[in-house]
Amino acid sequence: MPDLVSGLPTRARTRPQAPLTAAIVTAAITALGVLATPAVASAAPSAPRLAVTTQQAAGDQPAADTPTSAAAHARLHHARSAAQRARAAKARAAKAKAARARVARAKAARLAAADAVPPALVSPLARLRGCESGGRYDISTGNGYYGAYQFSGSTWQGLGLPGTPDHASARDQDLAAVRLHARSGWSPWPACSRSLGLR
């Protein structure tokens, strides 16, 4: 085939190279853009991942106490302390009540013992009543002595008892005789106690 290009002038031969050079440059720029695009794309997600990582780190850290939570803790501590104080006060009240009950029972026992005729005096007092008044609790002969044990008015009142013995109950007269015996023995009944061999 004849060489058609070699027969042309130099300017005619070099002019068709311009479009070729432009095409090469365009292709190179396009290639560089393609190569650069993945790098930019690969770098882009780093910002969202950094944000997620920061959020996760923040989520792993304990939240700082706020004024509201501190107030709630204070109220809870106060409520617990109040409940403990209430339980302690209730325990002290129960203990004091039990102590008062023990004292009351002891006092009642002492009063019962004081308000009862001792067994050792039951028979002697019965004999003394028989001797002094025939066992009559309501007797009053007008001689200034009254009741089963023939108390005088001054003796009866000296025992802190009201009225006269003949108007008092049998129990009161018996207990008065026990108190008088505890104070003076059998001497307040000299004749009968001697005749009965009580002294």
Protein backbone atom coordinates (compact mmCIF):
# COMPACT_ATOMS: atom_id res chain seq x y z
CA MET A 1 0.00 0.00 0.00
CA PRO A 2 1.54 3.38 -0.85
CA ASP A 3 2.63 5.58 2.11
CA LEU A 4 0.14 8.39 1.85
CA VAL A 5 1.37 10.19 4.96
CA SER A 6 4.98 10.45 3.95
CA GLY A 7 4.05 12.34 0.83
CA LEU A 8 2.26 15.12 2.80
CA PRO A 9 3.94 18.23 4.14
CA THR A 10 5.18 18.27 7.75
CA ARG A 11 2.39 20.53 9.01
CA ALA A 12 -0.12 18.24 7.36
CA ARG A 13 1.39 15.23 8.98
CA THR A 14 1.54 16.65 12.58
CA ARG A 15 -1.93 18.30 12.68
CA PRO A 16 -3.92 15.09 13.22
CA GLN A 17 -1.89 14.38 16.41
CA ALA A 18 -3.61 17.17 18.39
CA PRO A 19 -6.90 15.35 18.80
CA LEU A 20 -5.02 12.25 19.83
CA THR A 21 -3.06 14.12 22.51
CA ALA A 22 -6.24 15.68 23.87
CA ALA A 23 -7.87 12.25 24.04
CA ILE A 24 -4.89 10.85 25.92
CA VAL A 25 -4.95 13.72 28.45
CA THR A 26 -8.70 13.32 28.89
CA ALA A 27 -8.29 9.59 29.45
CA ALA A 28 -5.49 10.19 31.98
CA ILE A 29 -7.53 12.72 33.93
CA THR A 30 -10.48 10.34 33.90
CA ALA A 31 -8.27 7.53 35.15
CA LEU A 32 -6.88 9.75 37.91
CA GLY A 33 -10.41 10.70 38.93
CA VAL A 34 -11.46 7.07 39.08
CA LEU A 35 -8.43 6.25 41.19
CA ALA A 36 -9.02 9.18 43.51
CA THR A 37 -12.74 8.52 44.03
CA PRO A 38 -12.39 5.29 46.10
CA ALA A 39 -9.90 6.99 48.42
CA VAL A 40 -12.32 9.83 49.08
CA ALA A 41 -15.21 7.41 49.46
CA SER A 42 -13.23 5.21 51.79
CA ALA A 43 -12.29 8.21 53.91
CA ALA A 44 -15.86 9.52 54.12
CA PRO A 45 -17.30 6.88 56.47
CA SER A 46 -14.64 7.62 59.09
CA ALA A 47 -16.63 10.58 60.44
CA PRO A 48 -19.83 8.56 61.12
CA ARG A 49 -17.81 5.72 62.64
CA LEU A 50 -16.02 8.23 64.87
CA ALA A 51 -19.35 9.64 65.97
CA VAL A 52 -20.68 6.16 66.76
CA THR A 53 -17.53 5.30 68.67
CA THR A 54 -17.82 8.52 70.69
CA GLN A 55 -21.44 7.75 71.51
CA GLN A 56 -20.56 4.22 72.59
CA ALA A 57 -17.75 5.50 74.80
CA ALA A 58 -20.10 8.02 76.34
CA GLY A 59 -22.66 5.29 76.94
CA ASP A 60 -20.12 3.10 78.73
CA GLN A 61 -19.33 5.81 81.28
CA PRO A 62 -21.61 6.10 84.34
CA ALA A 63 -23.82 9.12 84.40
CA ALA A 64 -22.78 11.79 86.82
CA ASP A 65 -25.08 12.42 89.79
CA THR A 66 -27.50 15.18 89.07
CA PRO A 67 -29.06 17.40 91.77
CA THR A 68 -32.31 15.49 91.33
CA SER A 69 -30.72 12.09 91.97
CA ALA A 70 -28.80 13.47 94.96
CA ALA A 71 -32.05 14.76 96.46
CA ALA A 72 -33.70 11.38 95.87
CA HIS A 73 -30.82 9.63 97.65
CA ALA A 74 -31.11 12.07 100.56
CA ARG A 75 -34.86 11.46 100.85
CA LEU A 76 -34.33 7.69 100.79
CA HIS A 77 -31.66 7.92 103.50
CA HIS A 78 -33.92 10.12 105.61
CA ALA A 79 -36.83 7.70 105.23
CA ARG A 80 -34.67 4.74 106.24
CA SER A 81 -33.32 6.61 109.27
CA ALA A 82 -36.85 7.58 110.31
CA ALA A 83 -38.00 3.96 110.03
CA GLN A 84 -35.07 2.79 112.15
CA ARG A 85 -35.81 5.41 114.79
CA ALA A 86 -39.47 4.41 114.84
CA ARG A 87 -38.57 0.73 115.33
CA ALA A 88 -36.15 1.61 118.15
CA ALA A 89 -38.76 3.79 119.86
CA LYS A 90 -41.34 1.02 119.57
CA ALA A 91 -38.91 -1.49 121.09
CA ARG A 92 -38.14 0.89 123.98
CA ALA A 93 -41.85 1.47 124.59
CA ALA A 94 -42.53 -2.28 124.65
CA LYS A 95 -39.64 -2.82 127.07
CA ALA A 96 -40.87 -0.04 129.36
CA LYS A 97 -44.40 -1.44 129.26
CA ALA A 98 -43.13 -4.90 130.22
CA ALA A 99 -41.14 -3.38 133.11
CA ARG A 100 -44.22 -1.50 134.36
CA ALA A 101 -46.25 -4.69 134.16
CA ARG A 102 -43.65 -6.53 136.25
CA VAL A 103 -43.69 -3.75 138.86
CA ALA A 104 -47.49 -3.77 138.95
CA ARG A 105 -47.58 -7.55 139.44
CA ALA A 106 -45.03 -7.36 142.23
CA LYS A 107 -47.00 -4.58 143.93
CA ALA A 108 -50.22 -6.55 143.59
CA ALA A 109 -48.53 -9.57 145.12
CA ARG A 110 -47.32 -7.48 148.06
CA LEU A 111 -50.75 -5.98 148.56
CA ALA A 112 -52.36 -9.39 148.36
CA ALA A 113 -49.95 -10.68 150.97
CA ALA A 114 -50.64 -7.67 153.18
CA ASP A 115 -54.40 -8.01 152.67
CA ALA A 116 -54.45 -11.65 153.69
CA VAL A 117 -54.34 -13.16 157.12
CA PRO A 118 -51.11 -15.12 157.52
CA PRO A 119 -51.80 -18.83 157.87
CA ALA A 120 -50.09 -18.91 161.26
CA LEU A 121 -52.60 -16.38 162.64
CA VAL A 122 -55.79 -17.87 161.23
CA SER A 123 -56.43 -20.21 164.18
CA PRO A 124 -55.20 -17.85 166.94
CA LEU A 125 -57.35 -15.00 165.66
CA ALA A 126 -60.41 -17.24 165.45
CA ARG A 127 -59.90 -18.24 169.06
CA LEU A 128 -59.33 -14.60 170.06
CA ARG A 129 -62.57 -13.53 168.39
CA GLY A 130 -64.46 -16.23 170.21
CA CYS A 131 -63.04 -15.03 173.51
CA GLU A 132 -63.48 -11.30 172.94
CA SER A 133 -66.94 -11.16 171.30
CA GLY A 134 -68.22 -14.65 170.71
CA GLY A 135 -67.09 -14.21 167.10
CA ARG A 136 -69.58 -11.40 166.37
CA TYR A 137 -68.22 -8.78 164.00
CA ASP A 138 -71.16 -6.39 164.49
CA ILE A 139 -71.20 -6.32 168.27
CA SER A 140 -71.36 -3.02 170.12
CA THR A 141 -72.22 -3.28 173.82
CA GLY A 142 -71.75 0.39 174.65
CA ASN A 143 -68.61 -0.13 176.68
CA GLY A 144 -66.41 1.74 174.17
CA TYR A 145 -65.17 -1.41 172.40
CA TYR A 146 -66.48 -2.61 169.09
CA GLY A 147 -66.54 -5.53 166.76
CA ALA A 148 -65.13 -9.05 166.87
CA TYR A 149 -61.79 -8.01 168.36
CA GLN A 150 -63.25 -5.32 170.66
CA PHE A 151 -61.22 -2.47 169.26
CA SER A 152 -61.47 0.85 171.01
CA GLY A 153 -62.39 3.81 168.83
CA SER A 154 -58.94 5.37 169.26
CA THR A 155 -57.14 2.12 168.34
CA TRP A 156 -59.28 1.68 165.24
CA GLN A 157 -58.71 5.22 164.06
CA GLY A 158 -55.02 4.92 164.88
CA LEU A 159 -54.88 2.16 162.28
CA GLY A 160 -56.16 4.70 159.73
CA LEU A 161 -59.64 3.20 159.50
CA PRO A 162 -62.85 5.23 159.33
CA GLY A 163 -65.99 4.87 161.45
CA THR A 164 -66.21 2.16 164.11
CA PRO A 165 -65.24 -1.53 163.83
CA ASP A 166 -68.77 -2.85 164.28
CA HIS A 167 -69.75 -1.20 161.00
CA ALA A 168 -66.69 -2.54 159.14
CA SER A 169 -66.55 -5.79 157.21
CA ALA A 170 -65.21 -8.99 158.71
CA ARG A 171 -62.23 -8.84 156.35
CA ASP A 172 -61.36 -5.30 157.43
CA GLN A 173 -61.56 -6.27 161.08
CA ASP A 174 -59.38 -9.34 160.56
CA LEU A 175 -56.74 -7.31 158.70
CA ALA A 176 -56.85 -4.63 161.37
CA ALA A 177 -56.18 -7.32 164.00
CA VAL A 178 -53.24 -8.59 161.92
CA ARG A 179 -51.77 -5.07 161.68
CA LEU A 180 -52.25 -4.46 165.38
CA HIS A 181 -50.64 -7.79 166.22
CA ALA A 182 -47.70 -6.97 163.94
CA ARG A 183 -47.27 -3.68 165.83
CA SER A 184 -47.88 -4.73 169.43
CA GLY A 185 -48.16 -8.51 169.59
CA TRP A 186 -50.94 -9.96 171.77
CA SER A 187 -50.75 -7.20 174.40
CA PRO A 188 -53.79 -5.25 173.03
CA TRP A 189 -55.87 -8.27 174.21
CA PRO A 190 -54.32 -8.97 177.56
CA ALA A 191 -57.02 -11.06 179.25
CA CYS A 192 -58.02 -13.30 176.33
CA SER A 193 -54.50 -13.77 174.99
CA ARG A 194 -53.35 -14.87 178.44
CA SER A 195 -56.28 -17.20 178.98
CA LEU A 196 -55.78 -18.72 175.52
CA GLY A 197 -52.09 -19.19 176.09
CA LEU A 198 -51.13 -16.97 173.21
CA ARG A 199 -48.43 -15.30 175.32
